[in-house]
Each structure stands twice: as C-alpha cells, then as structure tokens.
C-alpha cells in the first residue's frame, strides 16, 4: 500500500517543482527600434526608470521615455 502512495506523490511533487520554475518573459520595445527581452515583469521606479533582469540574469534599467511598449512574450 505504501508503494502505491509514494509513486503518485513523488510524481505530483516533481510536476509541482517543474511548473514553479517557469517565468514569463517580456519584450521591451524601445523608441529607437530595439527589442529587449526581460526575464520576468519589468518594474517601474519613481525616478522614471524601468528595471528588468536581462537574459544573463543581470539587473538593468532603461529610461521610461525610451520605451515604446512592453508586451508579454507568448510561450
């Protein structure tokens, strides 16, 4: 009986762990035609900057006046 419970619980735990690792990416379109892909949703600051994490995991900022639009990247 214990084996019949352990296998489904292990599978459920694995699926839960894997689904929690996915993050939504966003495309930041700039006024000069560039497209920047961010890992996770960019955050606006009171100083007029848009902060984001780039593909290398580094935190970056861009002036909000240089941003044309931000859109979610479909997976």
PDB file of N, CA and C in Angstrom:
ATOM      1  N   UNK A   1       0.826  -1.194   0.000  1.00  0.00           N
ATOM      2  CA  UNK A   1       0.000   0.000   0.000  1.00  0.00           C
ATOM      3  C   UNK A   1       0.871   1.260   0.000  1.00  0.00           C
ATOM      4  N   UNK A   2       1.996   1.218   0.677  1.00  0.00           N
ATOM      5  CA  UNK A   2       2.842   2.406   0.740  1.00  0.00           C
ATOM      6  C   UNK A   2       3.425   2.750  -0.629  1.00  0.00           C
ATOM      7  N   UNK A   3       3.778   1.738  -1.415  1.00  0.00           N
ATOM      8  CA  UNK A   3       4.327   1.998  -2.738  1.00  0.00           C
ATOM      9  C   UNK A   3       3.283   2.657  -3.634  1.00  0.00           C
ATOM     10  N   UNK A   4       2.037   2.308  -3.477  1.00  0.00           N
ATOM     11  CA  UNK A   4       1.001   2.895  -4.317  1.00  0.00           C
ATOM     12  C   UNK A   4       0.775   4.368  -3.971  1.00  0.00           C
ATOM     13  N   UNK A   5       1.133   4.783  -2.782  1.00  0.00           N
ATOM     14  CA  UNK A   5       1.015   6.192  -2.408  1.00  0.00           C
ATOM     15  C   UNK A   5       2.291   6.978  -2.716  1.00  0.00           C
ATOM     16  N   UNK A   6       3.426   6.362  -2.587  1.00  0.00           N
ATOM     17  CA  UNK A   6       4.701   7.060  -2.756  1.00  0.00           C
ATOM     18  C   UNK A   6       4.919   7.474  -4.209  1.00  0.00           C
ATOM     19  N   UNK A   7       4.624   6.606  -5.156  1.00  0.00           N
ATOM     20  CA  UNK A   7       4.867   6.916  -6.567  1.00  0.00           C
ATOM     21  C   UNK A   7       4.015   8.098  -7.042  1.00  0.00           C
ATOM     22  N   UNK A   8       2.704   8.108  -6.790  1.00  0.00           N
ATOM     23  CA  UNK A   8       1.923   9.283  -7.219  1.00  0.00           C
ATOM     24  C   UNK A   8       2.331  10.569  -6.493  1.00  0.00           C
ATOM     25  N   UNK A   9       2.692  10.476  -5.226  1.00  0.00           N
ATOM     26  CA  UNK A   9       3.121  11.672  -4.503  1.00  0.00           C
ATOM     27  C   UNK A   9       4.440  12.203  -5.047  1.00  0.00           C
ATOM     28  N   UNK A  10       5.356  11.316  -5.401  1.00  0.00           N
ATOM     29  CA  UNK A  10       6.625  11.737  -5.988  1.00  0.00           C
ATOM     30  C   UNK A  10       6.390  12.396  -7.347  1.00  0.00           C
ATOM     31  N   UNK A  11       5.488  11.852  -8.145  1.00  0.00           N
ATOM     32  CA  UNK A  11       5.173  12.435  -9.448  1.00  0.00           C
ATOM     33  C   UNK A  11       4.531  13.813  -9.278  1.00  0.00           C
ATOM     34  N   UNK A  12       3.641  13.952  -8.324  1.00  0.00           N
ATOM     35  CA  UNK A  12       2.995  15.234  -8.058  1.00  0.00           C
ATOM     36  C   UNK A  12       4.009  16.273  -7.594  1.00  0.00           C
ATOM     37  N   UNK A  13       4.924  15.869  -6.750  1.00  0.00           N
ATOM     38  CA  UNK A  13       5.973  16.768  -6.273  1.00  0.00           C
ATOM     39  C   UNK A  13       6.875  17.212  -7.424  1.00  0.00           C
ATOM     40  N   UNK A  14       7.230  16.307  -8.316  1.00  0.00           N
ATOM     41  CA  UNK A  14       8.080  16.638  -9.459  1.00  0.00           C
ATOM     42  C   UNK A  14       7.383  17.618 -10.394  1.00  0.00           C
ATOM     43  N   UNK A  15       6.119  17.392 -10.686  1.00  0.00           N
ATOM     44  CA  UNK A  15       5.366  18.289 -11.566  1.00  0.00           C
ATOM     45  C   UNK A  15       5.226  19.670 -10.933  1.00  0.00           C
ATOM     46  N   UNK A  16       4.970  19.716  -9.649  1.00  0.00           N
ATOM     47  CA  UNK A  16       4.835  20.988  -8.943  1.00  0.00           C
ATOM     48  C   UNK A  16       6.149  21.758  -8.967  1.00  0.00           C
ATOM     49  N   UNK A  17       7.249  21.084  -8.740  1.00  0.00           N
ATOM     50  CA  UNK A  17       8.560  21.741  -8.740  1.00  0.00           C
ATOM     51  C   UNK A  17       8.907  22.275 -10.127  1.00  0.00           C
ATOM     52  N   UNK A  18       8.626  21.510 -11.160  1.00  0.00           N
ATOM     53  CA  UNK A  18       8.945  21.943 -12.518  1.00  0.00           C
ATOM     54  C   UNK A  18       8.060  23.089 -12.986  1.00  0.00           C
ATOM     55  N   UNK A  19       6.805  23.084 -12.620  1.00  0.00           N
ATOM     56  CA  UNK A  19       5.907  24.148 -13.061  1.00  0.00           C
ATOM     57  C   UNK A  19       6.192  25.455 -12.334  1.00  0.00           C
ATOM     58  N   UNK A  20       6.760  25.402 -11.158  1.00  0.00           N
ATOM     59  CA  UNK A  20       7.104  26.615 -10.428  1.00  0.00           C
ATOM     60  C   UNK A  20       8.338  27.290 -10.971  1.00  0.00           C
ATOM     61  N   UNK A  21       9.109  26.635 -11.814  1.00  0.00           N
ATOM     62  CA  UNK A  21      10.349  27.192 -12.344  1.00  0.00           C
ATOM     63  C   UNK A  21      10.132  28.051 -13.581  1.00  0.00           C
ATOM     64  N   UNK A  22       8.966  28.009 -14.159  1.00  0.00           N
ATOM     65  CA  UNK A  22       8.739  28.787 -15.367  1.00  0.00           C
ATOM     66  C   UNK A  22       8.431  30.231 -15.005  1.00  0.00           C
ATOM     67  N   UNK A  23       9.014  31.141 -15.771  1.00  0.00           N
ATOM     68  CA  UNK A  23       8.772  32.567 -15.592  1.00  0.00           C
ATOM     69  C   UNK A  23       8.343  33.137 -16.922  1.00  0.00           C
ATOM     70  N   UNK A  24       7.540  34.151 -16.850  1.00  0.00           N
ATOM     71  CA  UNK A  24       7.098  34.813 -18.059  1.00  0.00           C
ATOM     72  C   UNK A  24       8.150  35.819 -18.503  1.00  0.00           C
ATOM     73  N   UNK A  25       8.405  35.860 -19.784  1.00  0.00           N
ATOM     74  CA  UNK A  25       9.326  36.840 -20.349  1.00  0.00           C
ATOM     75  C   UNK A  25       8.528  37.978 -20.968  1.00  0.00           C
ATOM     76  N   UNK A  26       9.145  39.149 -20.999  1.00  0.00           N
ATOM     77  CA  UNK A  26       8.508  40.325 -21.572  1.00  0.00           C
ATOM     78  C   UNK A  26       9.432  40.944 -22.610  1.00  0.00           C
ATOM     79  N   UNK A  27       8.847  41.502 -23.655  1.00  0.00           N
ATOM     80  CA  UNK A  27       9.594  42.214 -24.685  1.00  0.00           C
ATOM     81  C   UNK A  27       9.430  43.708 -24.435  1.00  0.00           C
ATOM     82  N   UNK A  28      10.553  44.395 -24.321  1.00  0.00           N
ATOM     83  CA  UNK A  28      10.542  45.840 -24.138  1.00  0.00           C
ATOM     84  C   UNK A  28      10.934  46.446 -25.487  1.00  0.00           C
ATOM     85  N   UNK A  29       9.998  47.133 -26.125  1.00  0.00           N
ATOM     86  CA  UNK A  29      10.230  47.747 -27.426  1.00  0.00           C
ATOM     87  C   UNK A  29      10.617  49.205 -27.194  1.00  0.00           C
ATOM     88  N   UNK A  30      11.773  49.603 -27.711  1.00  0.00           N
ATOM     89  CA  UNK A  30      12.266  50.961 -27.499  1.00  0.00           C
ATOM     90  C   UNK A  30      11.919  51.860 -28.676  1.00  0.00           C
ATOM     91  N   UNK A  31      12.037  53.159 -28.445  1.00  0.00           N
ATOM     92  CA  UNK A  31      11.703  54.136 -29.484  1.00  0.00           C
ATOM     93  C   UNK A  31      12.709  54.118 -30.634  1.00  0.00           C
ATOM     94  N   UNK A  32      13.920  53.583 -30.405  1.00  0.00           N
ATOM     95  CA  UNK A  32      14.911  53.516 -31.481  1.00  0.00           C
ATOM     96  C   UNK A  32      14.905  52.175 -32.213  1.00  0.00           C
ATOM     97  N   UNK A  33      13.879  51.348 -31.967  1.00  0.00           N
ATOM     98  CA  UNK A  33      13.697  50.115 -32.724  1.00  0.00           C
ATOM     99  C   UNK A  33      14.271  48.857 -32.105  1.00  0.00           C
ATOM    100  N   UNK A  34      14.922  48.969 -30.959  1.00  0.00           N
ATOM    101  CA  UNK A  34      15.466  47.773 -30.304  1.00  0.00           C
ATOM    102  C   UNK A  34      14.359  47.019 -29.588  1.00  0.00           C
ATOM    103  N   UNK A  35      14.565  45.728 -29.400  1.00  0.00           N
ATOM    104  CA  UNK A  35      13.682  44.903 -28.585  1.00  0.00           C
ATOM    105  C   UNK A  35      14.539  44.203 -27.547  1.00  0.00           C
ATOM    106  N   UNK A  36      14.207  44.419 -26.290  1.00  0.00           N
ATOM    107  CA  UNK A  36      14.940  43.834 -25.170  1.00  0.00           C
ATOM    108  C   UNK A  36      14.035  42.796 -24.529  1.00  0.00           C
ATOM    109  N   UNK A  37      14.543  41.591 -24.321  1.00  0.00           N
ATOM    110  CA  UNK A  37      13.769  40.536 -23.663  1.00  0.00           C
ATOM    111  C   UNK A  37      14.162  40.506 -22.194  1.00  0.00           C
ATOM    112  N   UNK A  38      13.165  40.613 -21.330  1.00  0.00           N
ATOM    113  CA  UNK A  38      13.423  40.581 -19.889  1.00  0.00           C
ATOM    114  C   UNK A  38      12.941  39.264 -19.304  1.00  0.00           C
ATOM    115  N   UNK A  39      13.610  38.829 -18.255  1.00  0.00           N
ATOM    116  CA  UNK A  39      13.224  37.632 -17.520  1.00  0.00           C
ATOM    117  C   UNK A  39      12.344  38.082 -16.367  1.00  0.00           C
ATOM    118  N   UNK A  40      11.042  37.913 -16.504  1.00  0.00           N
ATOM    119  CA  UNK A  40      10.105  38.401 -15.504  1.00  0.00           C
ATOM    120  C   UNK A  40       9.601  39.782 -15.893  1.00  0.00           C
ATOM    121  N   UNK A  41       8.606  40.255 -15.167  1.00  0.00           N
ATOM    122  CA  UNK A  41       7.968  41.524 -15.493  1.00  0.00           C
ATOM    123  C   UNK A  41       8.847  42.704 -15.069  1.00  0.00           C
ATOM    124  N   UNK A  42       9.062  43.664 -15.981  1.00  0.00           N
ATOM    125  CA  UNK A  42       9.829  44.855 -15.625  1.00  0.00           C
ATOM    126  C   UNK A  42       9.091  45.681 -14.573  1.00  0.00           C
ATOM    127  N   UNK A  43       9.858  46.384 -13.749  1.00  0.00           N
ATOM    128  CA  UNK A  43       9.268  47.181 -12.669  1.00  0.00           C
ATOM    129  C   UNK A  43       9.601  48.655 -12.873  1.00  0.00           C
ATOM    130  N   UNK A  44       8.575  49.500 -12.737  1.00  0.00           N
ATOM    131  CA  UNK A  44       8.762  50.942 -12.870  1.00  0.00           C
ATOM    132  C   UNK A  44       9.223  51.529 -11.549  1.00  0.00           C
ATOM    133  N   UNK A  45      10.110  52.528 -11.623  1.00  0.00           N
ATOM    134  CA  UNK A  45      10.556  53.218 -10.417  1.00  0.00           C
ATOM    135  C   UNK A  45      10.043  54.652 -10.443  1.00  0.00           C
ATOM    136  N   UNK A  46      10.073  55.297  -9.282  1.00  0.00           N
ATOM    137  CA  UNK A  46       9.631  56.683  -9.186  1.00  0.00           C
ATOM    138  C   UNK A  46      10.591  57.629  -9.907  1.00  0.00           C
ATOM    139  N   UNK A  47      11.808  57.195 -10.173  1.00  0.00           N
ATOM    140  CA  UNK A  47      12.820  58.030 -10.818  1.00  0.00           C
ATOM    141  C   UNK A  47      12.668  58.067 -12.341  1.00  0.00           C
ATOM    142  N   UNK A  48      11.631  57.430 -12.874  1.00  0.00           N
ATOM    143  CA  UNK A  48      11.412  57.441 -14.318  1.00  0.00           C
ATOM    144  C   UNK A  48      12.171  56.362 -15.065  1.00  0.00           C
ATOM    145  N   UNK A  49      12.557  55.308 -14.349  1.00  0.00           N
ATOM    146  CA  UNK A  49      13.297  54.209 -14.962  1.00  0.00           C
ATOM    147  C   UNK A  49      12.468  52.935 -14.951  1.00  0.00           C
ATOM    148  N   UNK A  50      12.763  52.054 -15.895  1.00  0.00           N
ATOM    149  CA  UNK A  50      12.131  50.741 -15.963  1.00  0.00           C
ATOM    150  C   UNK A  50      13.227  49.715 -15.697  1.00  0.00           C
ATOM    151  N   UNK A  51      13.101  48.992 -14.590  1.00  0.00           N
ATOM    152  CA  UNK A  51      14.098  48.000 -14.225  1.00  0.00           C
ATOM    153  C   UNK A  51      13.684  46.619 -14.685  1.00  0.00           C
ATOM    154  N   UNK A  52      14.660  45.852 -15.162  1.00  0.00           N
ATOM    155  CA  UNK A  52      14.388  44.499 -15.648  1.00  0.00           C
ATOM    156  C   UNK A  52      15.618  43.638 -15.456  1.00  0.00           C
ATOM    157  N   UNK A  53      15.431  42.324 -15.551  1.00  0.00           N
ATOM    158  CA  UNK A  53      16.532  41.369 -15.500  1.00  0.00           C
ATOM    159  C   UNK A  53      16.731  40.833 -16.913  1.00  0.00           C
ATOM    160  N   UNK A  54      17.959  40.949 -17.429  1.00  0.00           N
ATOM    161  CA  UNK A  54      18.213  40.514 -18.799  1.00  0.00           C
ATOM    162  C   UNK A  54      18.425  38.999 -18.870  1.00  0.00           C
ATOM    163  N   UNK A  55      18.707  38.513 -20.064  1.00  0.00           N
ATOM    164  CA  UNK A  55      18.840  37.070 -20.293  1.00  0.00           C
ATOM    165  C   UNK A  55      20.010  36.458 -19.539  1.00  0.00           C
ATOM    166  N   UNK A  56      21.009  37.266 -19.184  1.00  0.00           N
ATOM    167  CA  UNK A  56      22.162  36.767 -18.422  1.00  0.00           C
ATOM    168  C   UNK A  56      21.938  36.796 -16.917  1.00  0.00           C
ATOM    169  N   UNK A  57      20.780  37.296 -16.489  1.00  0.00           N
ATOM    170  CA  UNK A  57      20.482  37.378 -15.067  1.00  0.00           C
ATOM    171  C   UNK A  57      20.964  38.667 -14.428  1.00  0.00           C
ATOM    172  N   UNK A  58      21.449  39.607 -15.235  1.00  0.00           N
ATOM    173  CA  UNK A  58      21.919  40.896 -14.721  1.00  0.00           C
ATOM    174  C   UNK A  58      20.766  41.888 -14.660  1.00  0.00           C
ATOM    175  N   UNK A  59      20.746  42.691 -13.595  1.00  0.00           N
ATOM    176  CA  UNK A  59      19.712  43.717 -13.468  1.00  0.00           C
ATOM    177  C   UNK A  59      20.118  44.930 -14.290  1.00  0.00           C
ATOM    178  N   UNK A  60      19.174  45.426 -15.083  1.00  0.00           N
ATOM    179  CA  UNK A  60      19.391  46.564 -15.962  1.00  0.00           C
ATOM    180  C   UNK A  60      18.278  47.582 -15.754  1.00  0.00           C
ATOM    181  N   UNK A  61      18.514  48.810 -16.218  1.00  0.00           N
ATOM    182  CA  UNK A  61      17.495  49.852 -16.178  1.00  0.00           C
ATOM    183  C   UNK A  61      17.518  50.613 -17.495  1.00  0.00           C
ATOM    184  N   UNK A  62      16.346  51.098 -17.882  1.00  0.00           N
ATOM    185  CA  UNK A  62      16.220  51.918 -19.073  1.00  0.00           C
ATOM    186  C   UNK A  62      15.264  53.060 -18.745  1.00  0.00           C
ATOM    187  N   UNK A  63      15.521  54.211 -19.316  1.00  0.00           N
ATOM    188  CA  UNK A  63      14.667  55.360 -19.102  1.00  0.00           C
ATOM    189  C   UNK A  63      13.293  55.082 -19.715  1.00  0.00           C
ATOM    190  N   UNK A  64      12.220  55.356 -18.972  1.00  0.00           N
ATOM    191  CA  UNK A  64      10.866  55.070 -19.467  1.00  0.00           C
ATOM    192  C   UNK A  64      10.525  55.886 -20.712  1.00  0.00           C
ATOM    193  N   UNK A  65      11.177  57.022 -20.900  1.00  0.00           N
ATOM    194  CA  UNK A  65      10.903  57.826 -22.100  1.00  0.00           C
ATOM    195  C   UNK A  65      11.450  57.152 -23.355  1.00  0.00           C
ATOM    196  N   UNK A  66      12.344  56.200 -23.211  1.00  0.00           N
ATOM    197  CA  UNK A  66      12.898  55.460 -24.345  1.00  0.00           C
ATOM    198  C   UNK A  66      12.088  54.204 -24.672  1.00  0.00           C
ATOM    199  N   UNK A  67      11.074  53.896 -23.870  1.00  0.00           N
ATOM    200  CA  UNK A  67      10.284  52.680 -24.046  1.00  0.00           C
ATOM    201  C   UNK A  67       8.986  53.014 -24.782  1.00  0.00           C
ATOM    202  N   UNK A  68       8.789  52.314 -25.889  1.00  0.00           N
ATOM    203  CA  UNK A  68       7.562  52.498 -26.666  1.00  0.00           C
ATOM    204  C   UNK A  68       6.421  51.657 -26.085  1.00  0.00           C
ATOM    205  N   UNK A  69       6.719  50.361 -25.846  1.00  0.00           N
ATOM    206  CA  UNK A  69       5.706  49.491 -25.223  1.00  0.00           C
ATOM    207  C   UNK A  69       6.381  48.275 -24.631  1.00  0.00           C
ATOM    208  N   UNK A  70       5.672  47.636 -23.703  1.00  0.00           N
ATOM    209  CA  UNK A  70       6.127  46.393 -23.061  1.00  0.00           C
ATOM    210  C   UNK A  70       5.032  45.362 -23.300  1.00  0.00           C
ATOM    211  N   UNK A  71       5.420  44.208 -23.821  1.00  0.00           N
ATOM    212  CA  UNK A  71       4.435  43.165 -24.083  1.00  0.00           C
ATOM    213  C   UNK A  71       4.942  41.816 -23.588  1.00  0.00           C
ATOM    214  N   UNK A  72       4.005  40.966 -23.184  1.00  0.00           N
ATOM    215  CA  UNK A  72       4.341  39.633 -22.721  1.00  0.00           C
ATOM    216  C   UNK A  72       4.693  38.755 -23.923  1.00  0.00           C
ATOM    217  N   UNK A  73       5.749  37.963 -23.760  1.00  0.00           N
ATOM    218  CA  UNK A  73       6.179  37.048 -24.817  1.00  0.00           C
ATOM    219  C   UNK A  73       5.412  35.746 -24.648  1.00  0.00           C
ATOM    220  N   UNK A  74       4.622  35.337 -25.640  1.00  0.00           N
ATOM    221  CA  UNK A  74       3.886  34.066 -25.522  1.00  0.00           C
ATOM    222  C   UNK A  74       4.818  32.882 -25.575  1.00  0.00           C
ATOM    223  N   UNK A  75       4.509  31.852 -24.782  1.00  0.00           N
ATOM    224  CA  UNK A  75       5.340  30.628 -24.759  1.00  0.00           C
ATOM    225  C   UNK A  75       4.708  29.571 -25.591  1.00  0.00           C
TER     226      UNK A  75
END
